[in-house]
N, C-alpha and C. Protein backbone atom coordinates (compact mmCIF):
# COMPACT_ATOMS: atom_id res chain seq x y z
N MET A 1 21.66 6.95 -1.98
CA MET A 1 22.59 7.83 -2.65
C MET A 1 22.47 9.22 -2.04
N GLU A 2 23.60 9.79 -1.63
CA GLU A 2 23.61 11.16 -1.12
C GLU A 2 23.85 12.11 -2.28
N TYR A 3 23.08 13.16 -2.34
CA TYR A 3 23.16 14.07 -3.46
C TYR A 3 24.19 15.17 -3.24
N ASN A 4 24.91 15.49 -4.30
CA ASN A 4 25.91 16.55 -4.31
C ASN A 4 25.39 17.66 -5.22
N PRO A 5 25.09 18.83 -4.67
CA PRO A 5 24.53 19.89 -5.50
C PRO A 5 25.47 20.39 -6.60
N ALA A 6 26.74 20.04 -6.53
CA ALA A 6 27.71 20.50 -7.53
C ALA A 6 27.74 19.62 -8.77
N LEU A 7 27.03 18.48 -8.74
CA LEU A 7 27.08 17.53 -9.85
C LEU A 7 25.65 17.18 -10.27
N PRO A 8 25.36 17.15 -11.58
CA PRO A 8 24.01 16.80 -12.02
C PRO A 8 23.56 15.44 -11.46
N ILE A 9 22.28 15.34 -11.15
CA ILE A 9 21.75 14.12 -10.52
C ILE A 9 21.96 12.90 -11.41
N TYR A 10 21.78 13.06 -12.74
CA TYR A 10 21.93 11.89 -13.60
C TYR A 10 23.36 11.35 -13.56
N LEU A 11 24.35 12.24 -13.43
CA LEU A 11 25.74 11.78 -13.33
C LEU A 11 26.00 11.10 -11.99
N GLN A 12 25.38 11.60 -10.93
CA GLN A 12 25.54 10.98 -9.62
C GLN A 12 24.94 9.58 -9.63
N ALA A 13 23.78 9.43 -10.25
CA ALA A 13 23.14 8.11 -10.33
C ALA A 13 23.98 7.17 -11.19
N ALA A 14 24.49 7.67 -12.31
CA ALA A 14 25.34 6.84 -13.18
C ALA A 14 26.60 6.40 -12.45
N ASN A 15 27.21 7.32 -11.70
CA ASN A 15 28.42 6.97 -10.94
C ASN A 15 28.12 5.95 -9.85
N SER A 16 26.95 6.05 -9.25
CA SER A 16 26.56 5.09 -8.22
C SER A 16 26.43 3.69 -8.81
N ILE A 17 25.83 3.59 -9.99
CA ILE A 17 25.69 2.29 -10.66
C ILE A 17 27.06 1.77 -11.06
N LYS A 18 27.91 2.63 -11.59
CA LYS A 18 29.27 2.20 -11.96
C LYS A 18 30.02 1.67 -10.74
N ARG A 19 29.88 2.35 -9.61
CA ARG A 19 30.54 1.92 -8.38
C ARG A 19 30.03 0.53 -7.97
N ASP A 20 28.73 0.31 -8.10
CA ASP A 20 28.16 -1.00 -7.77
C ASP A 20 28.68 -2.08 -8.71
N ILE A 21 28.93 -1.74 -9.95
CA ILE A 21 29.48 -2.70 -10.91
C ILE A 21 30.93 -3.02 -10.57
N VAL A 22 31.72 -1.99 -10.34
CA VAL A 22 33.15 -2.16 -10.05
C VAL A 22 33.37 -2.95 -8.76
N THR A 23 32.53 -2.72 -7.76
CA THR A 23 32.70 -3.41 -6.47
C THR A 23 32.10 -4.82 -6.47
N GLY A 24 31.39 -5.17 -7.55
CA GLY A 24 30.82 -6.51 -7.63
C GLY A 24 29.41 -6.62 -7.08
N LYS A 25 28.88 -5.54 -6.57
CA LYS A 25 27.50 -5.56 -6.08
C LYS A 25 26.54 -5.86 -7.23
N LEU A 26 26.90 -5.36 -8.42
CA LEU A 26 26.17 -5.68 -9.65
C LEU A 26 27.13 -6.45 -10.55
N PRO A 27 27.06 -7.78 -10.56
CA PRO A 27 28.00 -8.58 -11.35
C PRO A 27 27.72 -8.51 -12.85
N PRO A 28 28.69 -8.92 -13.67
CA PRO A 28 28.49 -8.93 -15.12
C PRO A 28 27.22 -9.70 -15.50
N GLY A 29 26.44 -9.11 -16.38
CA GLY A 29 25.21 -9.75 -16.85
C GLY A 29 24.01 -9.56 -15.94
N ALA A 30 24.21 -8.93 -14.79
CA ALA A 30 23.09 -8.72 -13.85
C ALA A 30 22.08 -7.75 -14.45
N LYS A 31 20.82 -8.01 -14.15
CA LYS A 31 19.77 -7.12 -14.62
C LYS A 31 19.69 -5.91 -13.69
N LEU A 32 19.67 -4.73 -14.30
CA LEU A 32 19.52 -3.50 -13.52
C LEU A 32 18.04 -3.32 -13.18
N PRO A 33 17.75 -2.58 -12.11
CA PRO A 33 16.35 -2.32 -11.77
C PRO A 33 15.63 -1.62 -12.92
N SER A 34 14.32 -1.81 -12.98
CA SER A 34 13.54 -1.10 -14.00
C SER A 34 13.68 0.40 -13.78
N VAL A 35 13.34 1.16 -14.79
CA VAL A 35 13.42 2.62 -14.69
C VAL A 35 12.58 3.10 -13.51
N ARG A 36 11.38 2.59 -13.39
CA ARG A 36 10.50 3.02 -12.30
C ARG A 36 11.06 2.63 -10.94
N ASP A 37 11.56 1.39 -10.83
CA ASP A 37 12.10 0.93 -9.54
C ASP A 37 13.31 1.76 -9.11
N LEU A 38 14.20 2.05 -10.05
CA LEU A 38 15.39 2.84 -9.69
C LEU A 38 14.99 4.28 -9.36
N ALA A 39 13.99 4.80 -10.06
CA ALA A 39 13.51 6.15 -9.76
C ALA A 39 12.99 6.22 -8.33
N VAL A 40 12.26 5.20 -7.91
CA VAL A 40 11.75 5.16 -6.54
C VAL A 40 12.90 5.00 -5.56
N GLU A 41 13.84 4.09 -5.85
CA GLU A 41 14.97 3.84 -4.96
C GLU A 41 15.82 5.10 -4.75
N TYR A 42 16.08 5.84 -5.82
CA TYR A 42 16.92 7.03 -5.74
C TYR A 42 16.11 8.31 -5.51
N THR A 43 14.80 8.19 -5.47
CA THR A 43 13.88 9.34 -5.37
C THR A 43 14.21 10.41 -6.42
N ILE A 44 14.26 9.94 -7.67
CA ILE A 44 14.48 10.85 -8.80
C ILE A 44 13.42 10.57 -9.86
N ASN A 45 13.31 11.44 -10.82
CA ASN A 45 12.33 11.32 -11.88
C ASN A 45 12.67 10.14 -12.80
N PRO A 46 11.66 9.36 -13.24
CA PRO A 46 11.94 8.25 -14.18
C PRO A 46 12.64 8.71 -15.46
N ASN A 47 12.36 9.93 -15.92
CA ASN A 47 13.06 10.44 -17.11
C ASN A 47 14.55 10.57 -16.85
N THR A 48 14.91 10.91 -15.62
CA THR A 48 16.33 11.01 -15.25
C THR A 48 16.97 9.63 -15.30
N VAL A 49 16.26 8.62 -14.82
CA VAL A 49 16.79 7.25 -14.86
C VAL A 49 16.97 6.80 -16.30
N SER A 50 16.01 7.13 -17.16
CA SER A 50 16.15 6.79 -18.58
C SER A 50 17.41 7.42 -19.16
N ARG A 51 17.66 8.66 -18.78
CA ARG A 51 18.87 9.34 -19.25
C ARG A 51 20.12 8.64 -18.72
N VAL A 52 20.08 8.20 -17.46
CA VAL A 52 21.21 7.48 -16.85
C VAL A 52 21.49 6.21 -17.65
N TYR A 53 20.45 5.43 -17.93
CA TYR A 53 20.63 4.17 -18.65
C TYR A 53 21.15 4.42 -20.06
N LYS A 54 20.65 5.46 -20.73
CA LYS A 54 21.15 5.79 -22.07
C LYS A 54 22.63 6.18 -22.03
N GLU A 55 22.99 6.96 -21.02
CA GLU A 55 24.39 7.38 -20.85
C GLU A 55 25.29 6.15 -20.62
N LEU A 56 24.86 5.28 -19.71
CA LEU A 56 25.65 4.08 -19.40
C LEU A 56 25.77 3.17 -20.61
N GLU A 57 24.68 3.07 -21.37
CA GLU A 57 24.71 2.24 -22.57
C GLU A 57 25.66 2.83 -23.61
N SER A 58 25.67 4.15 -23.76
CA SER A 58 26.58 4.78 -24.73
C SER A 58 28.04 4.59 -24.33
N GLU A 59 28.29 4.43 -23.03
CA GLU A 59 29.65 4.20 -22.54
C GLU A 59 30.03 2.72 -22.57
N GLY A 60 29.08 1.85 -22.90
CA GLY A 60 29.37 0.42 -22.93
C GLY A 60 29.31 -0.25 -21.57
N VAL A 61 28.74 0.44 -20.59
CA VAL A 61 28.66 -0.08 -19.23
C VAL A 61 27.51 -1.07 -19.10
N CYS A 62 26.46 -0.87 -19.90
CA CYS A 62 25.32 -1.77 -19.86
C CYS A 62 24.74 -1.89 -21.26
N PHE A 63 23.79 -2.78 -21.40
CA PHE A 63 23.10 -2.96 -22.68
C PHE A 63 21.64 -3.27 -22.39
N THR A 64 20.79 -2.96 -23.36
CA THR A 64 19.35 -3.16 -23.19
C THR A 64 18.88 -4.23 -24.16
N ARG A 65 18.08 -5.14 -23.63
CA ARG A 65 17.40 -6.14 -24.46
C ARG A 65 15.93 -5.78 -24.46
N ARG A 66 15.43 -5.47 -25.62
CA ARG A 66 14.05 -5.01 -25.74
C ARG A 66 13.09 -6.01 -25.10
N GLY A 67 12.25 -5.49 -24.24
CA GLY A 67 11.26 -6.33 -23.57
C GLY A 67 11.79 -7.11 -22.39
N MET A 68 13.11 -7.08 -22.18
CA MET A 68 13.70 -7.84 -21.08
C MET A 68 14.31 -6.95 -20.01
N GLY A 69 14.86 -5.81 -20.42
CA GLY A 69 15.45 -4.90 -19.44
C GLY A 69 16.85 -4.48 -19.81
N THR A 70 17.50 -3.87 -18.84
CA THR A 70 18.87 -3.36 -19.01
C THR A 70 19.79 -4.19 -18.14
N PHE A 71 20.94 -4.56 -18.69
CA PHE A 71 21.86 -5.48 -18.04
C PHE A 71 23.27 -4.91 -17.98
N VAL A 72 24.02 -5.33 -16.98
CA VAL A 72 25.42 -4.94 -16.82
C VAL A 72 26.24 -5.60 -17.92
N THR A 73 27.21 -4.87 -18.44
CA THR A 73 28.10 -5.42 -19.46
C THR A 73 28.75 -6.72 -18.97
N GLU A 74 29.02 -7.59 -19.90
CA GLU A 74 29.71 -8.84 -19.57
C GLU A 74 31.17 -8.77 -19.98
N ASP A 75 31.62 -7.58 -20.38
CA ASP A 75 32.99 -7.35 -20.83
C ASP A 75 33.88 -7.02 -19.62
N PRO A 76 34.74 -7.98 -19.19
CA PRO A 76 35.59 -7.71 -18.03
C PRO A 76 36.56 -6.56 -18.27
N GLY A 77 36.95 -6.33 -19.51
CA GLY A 77 37.85 -5.23 -19.83
C GLY A 77 37.20 -3.88 -19.54
N LYS A 78 35.91 -3.77 -19.79
CA LYS A 78 35.19 -2.52 -19.51
C LYS A 78 35.14 -2.27 -18.02
N VAL A 79 34.90 -3.33 -17.24
CA VAL A 79 34.85 -3.19 -15.78
C VAL A 79 36.22 -2.78 -15.25
N ASP A 80 37.28 -3.39 -15.76
CA ASP A 80 38.64 -3.02 -15.35
C ASP A 80 38.94 -1.56 -15.70
N GLN A 81 38.49 -1.13 -16.87
CA GLN A 81 38.69 0.25 -17.30
C GLN A 81 37.99 1.22 -16.34
N MET A 82 36.75 0.89 -15.96
CA MET A 82 36.02 1.75 -15.02
C MET A 82 36.72 1.80 -13.68
N LYS A 83 37.24 0.65 -13.24
CA LYS A 83 37.94 0.59 -11.96
C LYS A 83 39.18 1.50 -11.99
N GLU A 84 39.93 1.44 -13.09
CA GLU A 84 41.13 2.30 -13.21
C GLU A 84 40.76 3.77 -13.25
N GLU A 85 39.67 4.10 -13.96
CA GLU A 85 39.23 5.50 -14.02
C GLU A 85 38.84 6.01 -12.64
N MET A 86 38.12 5.18 -11.88
CA MET A 86 37.70 5.58 -10.54
C MET A 86 38.91 5.73 -9.62
N ALA A 87 39.85 4.82 -9.74
CA ALA A 87 41.07 4.90 -8.93
C ALA A 87 41.84 6.18 -9.27
N GLY A 88 41.92 6.49 -10.55
CA GLY A 88 42.61 7.71 -10.97
C GLY A 88 41.97 8.96 -10.39
N THR A 89 40.65 8.98 -10.36
CA THR A 89 39.94 10.12 -9.78
C THR A 89 40.24 10.25 -8.30
N LEU A 90 40.20 9.12 -7.58
CA LEU A 90 40.50 9.14 -6.15
C LEU A 90 41.92 9.63 -5.88
N ILE A 91 42.86 9.15 -6.68
CA ILE A 91 44.27 9.54 -6.50
C ILE A 91 44.45 11.03 -6.77
N ARG A 92 43.85 11.52 -7.87
CA ARG A 92 43.96 12.96 -8.18
C ARG A 92 43.35 13.81 -7.07
N ASP A 93 42.18 13.40 -6.58
CA ASP A 93 41.54 14.15 -5.49
C ASP A 93 42.40 14.15 -4.24
N PHE A 94 42.99 12.99 -3.93
CA PHE A 94 43.86 12.88 -2.76
C PHE A 94 45.07 13.80 -2.89
N LEU A 95 45.74 13.73 -4.04
CA LEU A 95 46.94 14.54 -4.25
C LEU A 95 46.62 16.04 -4.23
N GLU A 96 45.48 16.42 -4.81
CA GLU A 96 45.08 17.83 -4.77
C GLU A 96 44.84 18.27 -3.33
N GLY A 97 44.18 17.43 -2.55
CA GLY A 97 43.93 17.75 -1.14
C GLY A 97 45.22 17.88 -0.36
N MET A 98 46.16 16.99 -0.62
CA MET A 98 47.45 17.04 0.08
C MET A 98 48.23 18.30 -0.32
N GLU A 99 48.17 18.67 -1.60
CA GLU A 99 48.84 19.89 -2.05
C GLU A 99 48.23 21.12 -1.37
N GLN A 100 46.92 21.11 -1.17
CA GLN A 100 46.27 22.22 -0.47
C GLN A 100 46.73 22.31 0.98
N LEU A 101 47.11 21.17 1.54
CA LEU A 101 47.64 21.15 2.91
C LEU A 101 49.11 21.52 2.97
N GLY A 102 49.74 21.69 1.80
CA GLY A 102 51.13 22.09 1.76
C GLY A 102 52.12 20.97 1.52
N PHE A 103 51.63 19.77 1.24
CA PHE A 103 52.51 18.63 0.97
C PHE A 103 52.86 18.57 -0.51
N SER A 104 54.10 18.19 -0.80
CA SER A 104 54.48 17.93 -2.19
C SER A 104 53.95 16.54 -2.56
N ARG A 105 53.98 16.25 -3.83
CA ARG A 105 53.54 14.94 -4.31
C ARG A 105 54.35 13.82 -3.65
N SER A 106 55.67 13.99 -3.59
CA SER A 106 56.53 12.96 -3.00
C SER A 106 56.27 12.81 -1.50
N GLU A 107 56.00 13.93 -0.82
CA GLU A 107 55.69 13.85 0.61
C GLU A 107 54.36 13.12 0.84
N ALA A 108 53.39 13.38 -0.02
CA ALA A 108 52.09 12.70 0.10
C ALA A 108 52.25 11.20 -0.12
N ILE A 109 53.04 10.83 -1.11
CA ILE A 109 53.28 9.41 -1.39
C ILE A 109 54.03 8.76 -0.23
N ALA A 110 55.00 9.47 0.34
CA ALA A 110 55.74 8.95 1.50
C ALA A 110 54.80 8.71 2.68
N LEU A 111 53.86 9.62 2.89
CA LEU A 111 52.88 9.43 3.97
C LEU A 111 52.00 8.21 3.71
N LEU A 112 51.64 8.00 2.45
CA LEU A 112 50.87 6.80 2.10
C LEU A 112 51.65 5.53 2.42
N GLU A 113 52.92 5.55 2.08
CA GLU A 113 53.77 4.39 2.34
C GLU A 113 53.85 4.07 3.83
N LYS A 114 53.86 5.09 4.67
CA LYS A 114 53.91 4.90 6.12
C LYS A 114 52.64 4.24 6.65
N GLN A 115 51.54 4.41 5.96
CA GLN A 115 50.24 3.91 6.43
C GLN A 115 50.06 2.42 6.25
N LYS A 116 50.98 1.77 5.59
CA LYS A 116 50.86 0.32 5.38
C LYS A 116 50.81 -0.33 6.69
């Protein structure tokens, strides 16, 4: 994971896990790494990983089974919702970038159509 100083580390880690879920790298029901293992993998504090897992659990992205670990949600609707949210973010960022270059929304969309 590459760190972005403009975004809190726990949000970057949470977004990385969400991306892995949406892309299928972490399938529904998959066990997430332990807090310690993920802390080592991301080179972050274990307390930060605990915060990440609590955040993801509050969003319904994962669930914890006491004594067993933390698992990816098995709700396909939640995964689809995350995918749409991520797509929306990418589209907004793209359109903002194109507007900064002087393109209108319709011109940016026309350029996208040409790229097929």
